[in-house]
Amino acid sequence: MGTDMTLSPLAPKGGFPTLPVIKGITFSAVAAGVKYADRNDVMLACAVAGSTVAGVFTKSATRAAPVLDCQEKLSVTLATDKPFAILVNSGNANAFTGSRGSGSVSAICQAVAEELNTDQACVFTASTGVIGEALPHDRIVAKISELNASLDANSAELAANAIMTTDTFAKGAAREIMIDGQPVKIAGFAKGSGMIAPDMATMLVYIFTDAKISQTMLQTILSQQTETTFNAITVDSDTSTSDSLMVIATGQSDAPEITTGQTADTFTAALHGVMLELAHLVIRDGEGATKFVTVKVTGAHSDASAKKVGLSIANSPLVKTAIAGEDPNWGRVVMAVGKAGEPADRDLLTISFGDILVAEKGWVSESYTEAAGAAYMKNDAITIHCDLGIGAGTSTVWTCDLTHQYITINADYRS
């Protein structure tokens, strides 16, 4: 698992990016032996008092104990005079663990709060890994003083590596914008590789900014931008028990508070950019992935209908295996459109692979050749465009191919 996996062929060539220091944020990571041997598997992120916190979480009906705890804490007004902390472990999801799960969360939060002189309500946790095994939280608690002692503003990459499971590379992204002549920085990292589907996409994501912004506005922006980023990707159609996306704003920038108008638009665009880049990195690290696939749907009855059609294509094992085999089997795309349960008309449907017009008006295009389609499918980035021809609805979703390596990874996951 983690660093033992063969690097995805779609991994960024430059490795983990150099993330800007976010004033008011520090990180650390240690090896606690939760599951993995000889690697960091617990990370701690701390934010100064006065920060604002927002979050979006899985909609799974079997949410893990850490998710339920985070949701409960964000449902009330948080302290303004206490530091915040996020502690994440890999190797164990602390999901489907009954009362033991919430007991583990409480024990960790209490220990972190005591070490950092803050309230338990200001401590957020997440766990990722195997479902249904009790979390050995004592191993984590024993390392909290060490985590605190090694906190450093430059340790984001260490933290990003510590939360990986079947990931083959750590994922980071950043943006810097100017608001009234003053810089505002946004930086974040994510883990995710399998069990990826919307509601929210299966992963852990932590984004930090020095912007001044209210909790209400930060939450509103985050929730809106999730729909076209993390809720628009899928590796295998499976929604996790543990998905967590959190954003912390420290307010340490000299820029004015982000409220409405142009400043809000500028900040929203930058945050969206970080979120979309991280979401794409998760797809590029999809278990066994060799192709990055963009599915564009236009001409649908509505945007919501377009998204359902797009996800029907992106989640189809037949479409995904055809892509893995570099087979331009457009008939499988037709099938996926038809099974989506959304308004569609065979004789109005147009399908393209990249710039190649494949099918139109219910039949293969006169200009299409199998040789052109087969050559296009050899690319490591594939775009499938379907125009339904019945409305103005549009949506774009992203996925990857489905290879034998996906089976290998998941068949051996608990060993």
Protein backbone atom coordinates (compact mmCIF):
# COMPACT_ATOMS: atom_id res chain seq x y z
CA MET A 1 0.00 0.00 0.00
CA GLY A 2 0.93 3.67 -0.13
CA THR A 3 4.57 4.19 -1.10
CA ASP A 4 4.96 0.51 -1.99
CA MET A 5 2.61 0.84 -4.96
CA THR A 6 3.94 1.26 -8.50
CA LEU A 7 3.68 4.92 -9.45
CA SER A 8 0.65 5.67 -11.61
CA PRO A 9 1.60 6.34 -15.24
CA LEU A 10 -0.66 9.40 -15.04
CA ALA A 11 1.20 10.91 -12.05
CA PRO A 12 2.50 14.49 -12.44
CA LYS A 13 6.01 14.44 -13.84
CA GLY A 14 7.30 16.96 -11.31
CA GLY A 15 6.17 15.10 -8.22
CA PHE A 16 4.62 16.87 -5.24
CA PRO A 17 4.52 20.64 -5.82
CA THR A 18 6.19 23.19 -3.57
CA LEU A 19 3.23 24.55 -1.63
CA PRO A 20 3.33 28.09 -0.26
CA VAL A 21 3.47 28.52 3.50
CA ILE A 22 0.05 29.49 4.82
CA LYS A 23 0.49 31.87 7.73
CA GLY A 24 -1.12 30.40 10.84
CA ILE A 25 -0.91 26.74 9.70
CA THR A 26 1.63 24.10 10.78
CA PHE A 27 1.95 20.38 10.03
CA SER A 28 3.63 17.26 11.35
CA ALA A 29 3.62 13.54 10.70
CA VAL A 30 4.78 10.44 12.60
CA ALA A 31 4.84 6.66 12.34
CA ALA A 32 2.36 5.27 14.85
CA GLY A 33 2.11 1.74 13.47
CA VAL A 34 -1.66 1.85 12.97
CA LYS A 35 -1.29 -0.67 10.13
CA TYR A 36 1.76 0.10 8.05
CA ALA A 37 5.31 -0.63 9.14
CA ASP A 38 8.14 1.85 8.75
CA ARG A 39 6.16 4.76 7.34
CA ASN A 40 4.40 7.84 8.67
CA ASP A 41 0.72 7.09 9.11
CA VAL A 42 -0.60 9.94 11.27
CA MET A 43 -0.60 13.63 10.42
CA LEU A 44 -1.51 16.69 12.47
CA ALA A 45 -2.43 20.11 11.11
CA CYS A 46 -2.87 23.06 13.45
CA ALA A 47 -4.48 26.44 12.81
CA VAL A 48 -4.24 29.58 14.92
CA ALA A 49 -7.09 30.83 17.07
CA GLY A 50 -9.60 32.92 15.16
CA SER A 51 -9.56 30.70 12.09
CA THR A 52 -12.77 29.73 10.31
CA VAL A 53 -13.52 26.14 9.37
CA ALA A 54 -15.83 24.64 6.73
CA GLY A 55 -16.42 21.07 5.63
CA VAL A 56 -18.25 18.77 3.25
CA PHE A 57 -18.59 15.06 3.98
CA THR A 58 -19.79 11.78 2.54
CA LYS A 59 -23.52 11.22 2.15
CA SER A 60 -23.07 7.52 2.87
CA ALA A 61 -25.68 6.04 5.23
CA THR A 62 -22.84 4.13 6.93
CA ARG A 63 -20.63 7.11 7.74
CA ALA A 64 -17.59 6.49 9.88
CA ALA A 65 -17.33 7.75 13.45
CA PRO A 66 -14.87 10.57 12.61
CA VAL A 67 -17.22 11.89 9.91
CA LEU A 68 -20.18 11.99 12.28
CA ASP A 69 -18.06 13.76 14.89
CA CYS A 70 -16.85 16.41 12.42
CA GLN A 71 -20.37 17.03 11.13
CA GLU A 72 -21.67 17.49 14.66
CA LYS A 73 -18.91 19.95 15.54
CA LEU A 74 -19.44 22.04 12.41
CA SER A 75 -23.18 22.27 13.08
CA VAL A 76 -22.61 24.64 16.01
CA THR A 77 -20.72 27.90 16.48
CA LEU A 78 -17.01 27.23 16.96
CA ALA A 79 -14.71 29.00 19.40
CA THR A 80 -12.89 32.10 18.20
CA ASP A 81 -10.21 32.16 20.90
CA LYS A 82 -8.85 28.63 20.56
CA PRO A 83 -6.58 26.97 18.02
CA PHE A 84 -7.96 24.29 15.71
CA ALA A 85 -6.48 20.92 14.85
CA ILE A 86 -7.01 18.17 12.28
CA LEU A 87 -5.59 14.73 13.01
CA VAL A 88 -5.73 12.04 10.32
CA ASN A 89 -4.57 8.43 10.37
CA SER A 90 -4.18 6.00 7.48
CA GLY A 91 -4.39 2.20 7.60
CA ASN A 92 -7.71 1.99 9.42
CA ALA A 93 -11.01 3.71 8.52
CA ASN A 94 -12.54 3.51 12.01
CA ALA A 95 -15.79 2.72 10.18
CA PHE A 96 -18.42 0.13 11.07
CA THR A 97 -16.80 -0.16 14.49
CA GLY A 98 -19.86 0.57 16.67
CA SER A 99 -19.38 2.40 19.95
CA ARG A 100 -15.68 1.62 19.79
CA GLY A 101 -15.43 4.01 16.86
CA SER A 102 -16.82 7.01 18.70
CA GLY A 103 -14.77 6.06 21.75
CA SER A 104 -11.60 6.16 19.66
CA VAL A 105 -12.53 9.57 18.27
CA SER A 106 -13.18 10.94 21.76
CA ALA A 107 -9.89 9.59 23.10
CA ILE A 108 -7.90 11.14 20.25
CA CYS A 109 -9.70 14.48 20.43
CA GLN A 110 -9.23 14.69 24.18
CA ALA A 111 -5.52 13.96 23.92
CA VAL A 112 -5.00 16.50 21.12
CA ALA A 113 -7.01 19.16 22.97
CA GLU A 114 -4.95 18.69 26.12
CA GLU A 115 -1.66 18.79 24.21
CA LEU A 116 -2.58 21.92 22.25
CA ASN A 117 -4.47 23.68 25.06
CA THR A 118 -7.68 23.89 23.07
CA ASP A 119 -11.25 22.59 23.25
CA GLN A 120 -12.23 19.12 22.04
CA ALA A 121 -14.82 20.86 19.87
CA CYS A 122 -11.92 22.44 17.94
CA VAL A 123 -10.30 19.10 17.11
CA PHE A 124 -11.33 17.29 13.92
CA THR A 125 -10.27 13.79 12.97
CA ALA A 126 -10.42 11.51 9.96
CA SER A 127 -9.41 7.91 9.39
CA THR A 128 -8.81 6.09 6.12
CA GLY A 129 -8.09 2.44 5.38
CA VAL A 130 -9.72 -0.87 6.14
CA ILE A 131 -13.39 -0.84 7.24
CA GLY A 132 -14.65 -2.94 10.16
CA GLU A 133 -11.52 -3.16 12.29
CA ALA A 134 -11.20 -1.42 15.66
CA LEU A 135 -8.85 1.55 15.50
CA PRO A 136 -5.81 1.06 17.79
CA HIS A 137 -6.12 4.65 18.97
CA ASP A 138 -3.70 4.17 21.86
CA ARG A 139 -0.90 4.04 19.29
CA ILE A 140 -2.03 7.42 17.99
CA VAL A 141 -2.51 8.99 21.40
CA ALA A 142 1.01 7.92 22.36
CA LYS A 143 2.40 9.99 19.48
CA ILE A 144 0.50 13.23 19.99
CA SER A 145 3.19 14.98 22.04
CA GLU A 146 5.71 14.05 19.33
CA LEU A 147 3.37 15.42 16.67
CA ASN A 148 3.01 18.68 18.57
CA ALA A 149 6.75 19.04 19.09
CA SER A 150 7.50 18.65 15.39
CA LEU A 151 4.87 21.03 13.99
CA ASP A 152 6.32 23.08 11.14
CA ALA A 153 4.87 25.40 8.52
CA ASN A 154 6.92 23.69 5.80
CA SER A 155 5.79 20.11 6.46
CA ALA A 156 2.69 19.91 4.23
CA GLU A 157 4.29 17.26 2.01
CA LEU A 158 5.07 15.06 5.03
CA ALA A 159 1.44 15.35 6.10
CA ALA A 160 0.17 14.57 2.59
CA ASN A 161 2.28 11.41 2.41
CA ALA A 162 1.12 10.20 5.84
CA ILE A 163 -2.55 9.94 4.84
CA MET A 164 -2.06 7.76 1.73
CA THR A 165 -3.45 4.21 1.49
CA THR A 166 -3.58 2.74 -2.03
CA ASP A 167 -2.39 6.07 -3.42
CA THR A 168 0.78 5.88 -5.48
CA PHE A 169 1.65 9.55 -5.02
CA ALA A 170 0.84 12.44 -2.68
CA LYS A 171 -1.40 15.11 -4.20
CA GLY A 172 -0.97 18.84 -3.68
CA ALA A 173 -2.16 22.06 -5.32
CA ALA A 174 -1.96 25.79 -4.64
CA ARG A 175 -3.01 29.21 -5.93
CA GLU A 176 -2.03 32.78 -5.03
CA ILE A 177 -4.27 35.73 -5.80
CA MET A 178 -4.15 39.48 -5.15
CA ILE A 179 -7.00 41.24 -3.38
CA ASP A 180 -6.67 45.02 -3.09
CA GLY A 181 -2.97 44.69 -3.75
CA GLN A 182 -2.40 42.12 -1.00
CA PRO A 183 -1.60 38.43 -1.58
CA VAL A 184 -3.97 35.67 -0.49
CA LYS A 185 -2.63 32.13 -0.58
CA ILE A 186 -4.50 28.83 -0.88
CA ALA A 187 -2.81 25.42 -0.58
CA GLY A 188 -4.08 21.92 -0.02
CA PHE A 189 -3.50 18.22 -0.35
CA ALA A 190 -5.62 15.13 -0.87
CA LYS A 191 -5.60 11.36 -0.70
CA GLY A 192 -7.75 9.15 -2.84
CA SER A 193 -7.34 6.36 -5.35
CA GLY A 194 -10.18 3.84 -5.09
CA MET A 195 -13.74 3.76 -3.77
CA ILE A 196 -14.19 7.04 -5.62
CA ALA A 197 -17.66 8.31 -6.51
CA PRO A 198 -19.68 11.47 -5.95
CA ASP A 199 -21.51 12.29 -2.70
CA MET A 200 -18.69 13.26 -1.88
CA ALA A 201 -15.90 11.71 -3.88
CA THR A 202 -14.07 9.15 -1.81
CA MET A 203 -11.10 10.88 -0.39
CA LEU A 204 -9.69 13.06 2.31
CA VAL A 205 -8.97 16.64 1.28
CA TYR A 206 -7.52 19.45 3.39
CA ILE A 207 -7.20 22.98 2.05
CA PHE A 208 -5.76 25.95 3.90
CA THR A 209 -5.84 29.67 3.17
CA ASP A 210 -4.75 32.86 4.93
CA ALA A 211 -7.86 34.68 3.68
CA LYS A 212 -10.16 36.60 6.01
CA ILE A 213 -13.62 35.14 5.49
CA SER A 214 -16.61 34.28 7.65
CA GLN A 215 -17.45 30.67 8.41
CA THR A 216 -20.85 31.04 6.75
CA MET A 217 -19.42 32.38 3.52
CA LEU A 218 -16.57 29.86 3.45
CA GLN A 219 -19.05 27.02 3.90
CA THR A 220 -21.32 28.37 1.16
CA ILE A 221 -18.49 28.69 -1.35
CA LEU A 222 -17.08 25.27 -0.46
CA SER A 223 -20.42 23.52 -0.83
CA GLN A 224 -21.09 25.16 -4.20
CA GLN A 225 -17.66 24.39 -5.66
CA THR A 226 -17.76 20.76 -4.52
CA GLU A 227 -20.50 19.99 -7.06
CA THR A 228 -18.31 20.69 -10.10
CA THR A 229 -15.08 19.30 -8.64
CA PHE A 230 -15.09 16.44 -6.15
CA ASN A 231 -18.71 15.54 -6.90
CA ALA A 232 -17.88 15.30 -10.60
CA ILE A 233 -15.28 12.53 -10.47
CA THR A 234 -15.59 8.77 -10.29
CA VAL A 235 -13.14 5.87 -10.36
CA ASP A 236 -15.41 2.93 -9.56
CA SER A 237 -18.87 4.32 -8.60
CA ASP A 238 -18.39 3.34 -4.93
CA THR A 239 -19.06 6.00 -2.30
CA SER A 240 -16.89 5.78 0.79
CA THR A 241 -17.85 5.78 4.46
CA SER A 242 -15.13 8.30 5.24
CA ASP A 243 -15.08 11.13 2.67
CA SER A 244 -14.04 14.41 4.24
CA LEU A 245 -13.21 17.76 2.67
CA MET A 246 -12.26 20.56 5.03
CA VAL A 247 -11.09 24.11 4.47
CA ILE A 248 -9.50 26.29 7.16
CA ALA A 249 -9.02 30.03 6.71
CA THR A 250 -6.63 31.64 9.20
CA GLY A 251 -7.40 35.29 8.40
CA GLN A 252 -3.68 36.09 8.59
CA SER A 253 -3.46 37.77 5.15
CA ASP A 254 -3.26 41.57 5.04
CA ALA A 255 -5.95 41.57 2.36
CA PRO A 256 -9.41 42.82 3.32
CA GLU A 257 -12.12 40.38 4.33
CA ILE A 258 -13.72 38.48 1.50
CA THR A 259 -17.39 39.37 1.46
CA THR A 260 -19.20 39.87 -1.84
CA GLY A 261 -18.58 41.13 -5.35
CA GLN A 262 -15.25 40.91 -7.12
CA THR A 263 -13.24 39.83 -4.07
CA ALA A 264 -15.55 36.89 -3.51
CA ASP A 265 -15.46 35.97 -7.20
CA THR A 266 -11.67 36.08 -7.26
CA PHE A 267 -11.34 33.93 -4.14
CA THR A 268 -13.99 31.48 -5.34
CA ALA A 269 -12.25 30.99 -8.68
CA ALA A 270 -8.91 30.33 -6.95
CA LEU A 271 -10.43 27.88 -4.48
CA HIS A 272 -12.22 26.13 -7.34
CA GLY A 273 -8.91 25.83 -9.15
CA VAL A 274 -7.25 24.12 -6.20
CA MET A 275 -10.23 21.81 -5.68
CA LEU A 276 -10.45 20.82 -9.36
CA GLU A 277 -6.71 20.18 -9.60
CA LEU A 278 -6.81 17.93 -6.55
CA ALA A 279 -9.90 16.14 -7.88
CA HIS A 280 -8.13 15.48 -11.18
CA LEU A 281 -5.06 14.19 -9.33
CA VAL A 282 -7.26 11.64 -7.57
CA ILE A 283 -8.48 10.39 -10.96
CA ARG A 284 -4.89 10.29 -12.25
CA ASP A 285 -4.12 8.01 -9.30
CA GLY A 286 -7.20 5.85 -9.77
CA GLU A 287 -6.42 2.27 -8.86
CA GLY A 288 -4.87 0.67 -11.93
CA ALA A 289 -5.60 3.72 -14.12
CA THR A 290 -3.77 4.20 -17.43
CA LYS A 291 -6.16 6.72 -19.04
CA PHE A 292 -7.52 10.07 -17.79
CA VAL A 293 -11.02 10.39 -19.20
CA THR A 294 -13.13 13.53 -19.58
CA VAL A 295 -16.84 13.00 -20.29
CA LYS A 296 -18.66 16.06 -21.61
CA VAL A 297 -22.42 16.04 -22.02
CA THR A 298 -24.22 18.89 -23.78
CA GLY A 299 -27.69 19.38 -25.20
CA ALA A 300 -29.36 17.68 -22.25
CA HIS A 301 -32.76 18.44 -20.75
CA SER A 302 -31.04 20.16 -17.76
CA ASP A 303 -27.63 20.39 -16.12
CA ALA A 304 -28.71 17.78 -13.57
CA SER A 305 -29.83 15.45 -16.35
CA ALA A 306 -26.54 16.00 -18.19
CA LYS A 307 -24.60 15.04 -15.07
CA LYS A 308 -26.56 11.82 -14.66
CA VAL A 309 -25.86 10.88 -18.26
CA GLY A 310 -22.19 11.78 -17.84
CA LEU A 311 -21.85 9.63 -14.74
CA SER A 312 -23.67 6.77 -16.47
CA ILE A 313 -20.97 6.83 -19.14
CA ALA A 314 -18.13 7.37 -16.69
CA ASN A 315 -19.23 4.56 -14.37
CA SER A 316 -19.95 1.97 -17.05
CA PRO A 317 -17.58 -1.00 -16.69
CA LEU A 318 -18.06 -1.73 -20.40
CA VAL A 319 -17.08 1.80 -21.42
CA LYS A 320 -14.14 1.85 -19.01
CA THR A 321 -12.78 -1.55 -20.06
CA ALA A 322 -13.08 -0.58 -23.73
CA ILE A 323 -10.98 2.49 -22.98
CA ALA A 324 -8.45 0.34 -21.13
CA GLY A 325 -8.22 -1.88 -24.21
CA GLU A 326 -7.93 1.16 -26.49
CA ASP A 327 -11.07 0.03 -28.31
CA PRO A 328 -13.15 2.90 -29.81
CA ASN A 329 -16.36 1.06 -29.03
CA TRP A 330 -18.84 3.91 -29.36
CA GLY A 331 -21.76 1.50 -29.11
CA ARG A 332 -21.01 1.18 -25.41
CA VAL A 333 -21.36 4.95 -25.05
CA VAL A 334 -24.75 4.76 -26.73
CA MET A 335 -25.70 2.04 -24.26
CA ALA A 336 -24.61 4.13 -21.28
CA VAL A 337 -26.62 7.14 -22.47
CA GLY A 338 -29.69 4.99 -22.91
CA LYS A 339 -29.52 3.35 -19.50
CA ALA A 340 -29.13 6.63 -17.59
CA GLY A 341 -32.89 7.04 -17.25
CA GLU A 342 -32.75 10.62 -18.56
CA PRO A 343 -34.45 12.16 -21.60
CA ALA A 344 -32.59 11.19 -24.79
CA ASP A 345 -33.40 10.58 -28.45
CA ARG A 346 -31.35 8.10 -30.45
CA ASP A 347 -31.78 10.08 -33.68
CA LEU A 348 -30.58 13.36 -32.11
CA LEU A 349 -27.52 11.93 -30.38
CA THR A 350 -24.03 13.00 -31.45
CA ILE A 351 -20.85 11.33 -30.13
CA SER A 352 -17.26 12.49 -30.53
CA PHE A 353 -13.94 11.10 -29.34
CA GLY A 354 -11.81 14.21 -28.99
CA ASP A 355 -12.17 16.10 -32.28
CA ILE A 356 -13.29 12.97 -34.13
CA LEU A 357 -17.00 12.91 -34.98
CA VAL A 358 -18.00 9.30 -34.37
CA ALA A 359 -21.78 9.13 -34.59
CA GLU A 360 -24.66 11.46 -35.43
CA LYS A 361 -28.38 11.26 -36.13
CA GLY A 362 -28.67 7.74 -34.79
CA TRP A 363 -25.91 6.28 -36.95
CA VAL A 364 -22.14 6.23 -37.41
CA SER A 365 -20.81 9.40 -39.02
CA GLU A 366 -19.91 9.16 -42.74
CA SER A 367 -16.53 10.76 -41.98
CA TYR A 368 -15.59 8.35 -39.18
CA THR A 369 -13.01 5.64 -39.65
CA GLU A 370 -12.20 2.88 -37.20
CA ALA A 371 -8.50 3.57 -37.75
CA ALA A 372 -8.89 7.17 -36.58
CA GLY A 373 -10.84 6.09 -33.51
CA ALA A 374 -8.32 3.39 -32.62
CA ALA A 375 -5.41 5.82 -32.99
CA TYR A 376 -7.12 8.35 -30.71
CA MET A 377 -7.75 5.76 -27.99
CA LYS A 378 -4.00 5.22 -27.62
CA ASN A 379 -3.70 8.62 -25.93
CA ASP A 380 -3.39 8.72 -22.15
CA ALA A 381 -6.00 11.51 -22.03
CA ILE A 382 -9.36 10.74 -23.65
CA THR A 383 -12.38 13.02 -24.12
CA ILE A 384 -15.83 11.60 -24.85
CA HIS A 385 -18.37 14.23 -25.90
CA CYS A 386 -22.08 13.42 -26.16
CA ASP A 387 -24.55 16.00 -27.38
CA LEU A 388 -28.10 14.87 -26.72
CA GLY A 389 -29.65 17.53 -28.94
CA ILE A 390 -32.73 18.11 -26.82
CA GLY A 391 -31.93 21.05 -24.52
CA ALA A 392 -29.34 23.39 -23.02
CA GLY A 393 -28.13 21.25 -20.11
CA THR A 394 -24.38 20.65 -19.78
CA SER A 395 -22.05 18.81 -17.44
CA THR A 396 -18.47 17.57 -17.34
CA VAL A 397 -17.30 14.64 -15.23
CA TRP A 398 -13.98 12.86 -15.03
CA THR A 399 -13.03 9.22 -14.66
CA CYS A 400 -10.34 6.70 -15.60
CA ASP A 401 -10.20 3.36 -17.34
CA LEU A 402 -10.80 0.02 -15.60
CA THR A 403 -7.87 -2.38 -15.78
CA HIS A 404 -6.95 -5.74 -14.33
CA GLN A 405 -4.69 -3.92 -11.86
CA TYR A 406 -7.80 -2.49 -10.17
CA ILE A 407 -8.91 -6.05 -9.38
CA THR A 408 -5.45 -7.00 -8.14
CA ILE A 409 -5.24 -4.02 -5.78
CA ASN A 410 -8.67 -4.55 -4.26
CA ALA A 411 -8.46 -8.36 -4.06
CA ASP A 412 -5.34 -8.01 -1.93
CA TYR A 413 -6.37 -4.89 0.00
CA ARG A 414 -6.73 -6.41 3.47
CA SER A 415 -3.68 -8.65 3.28
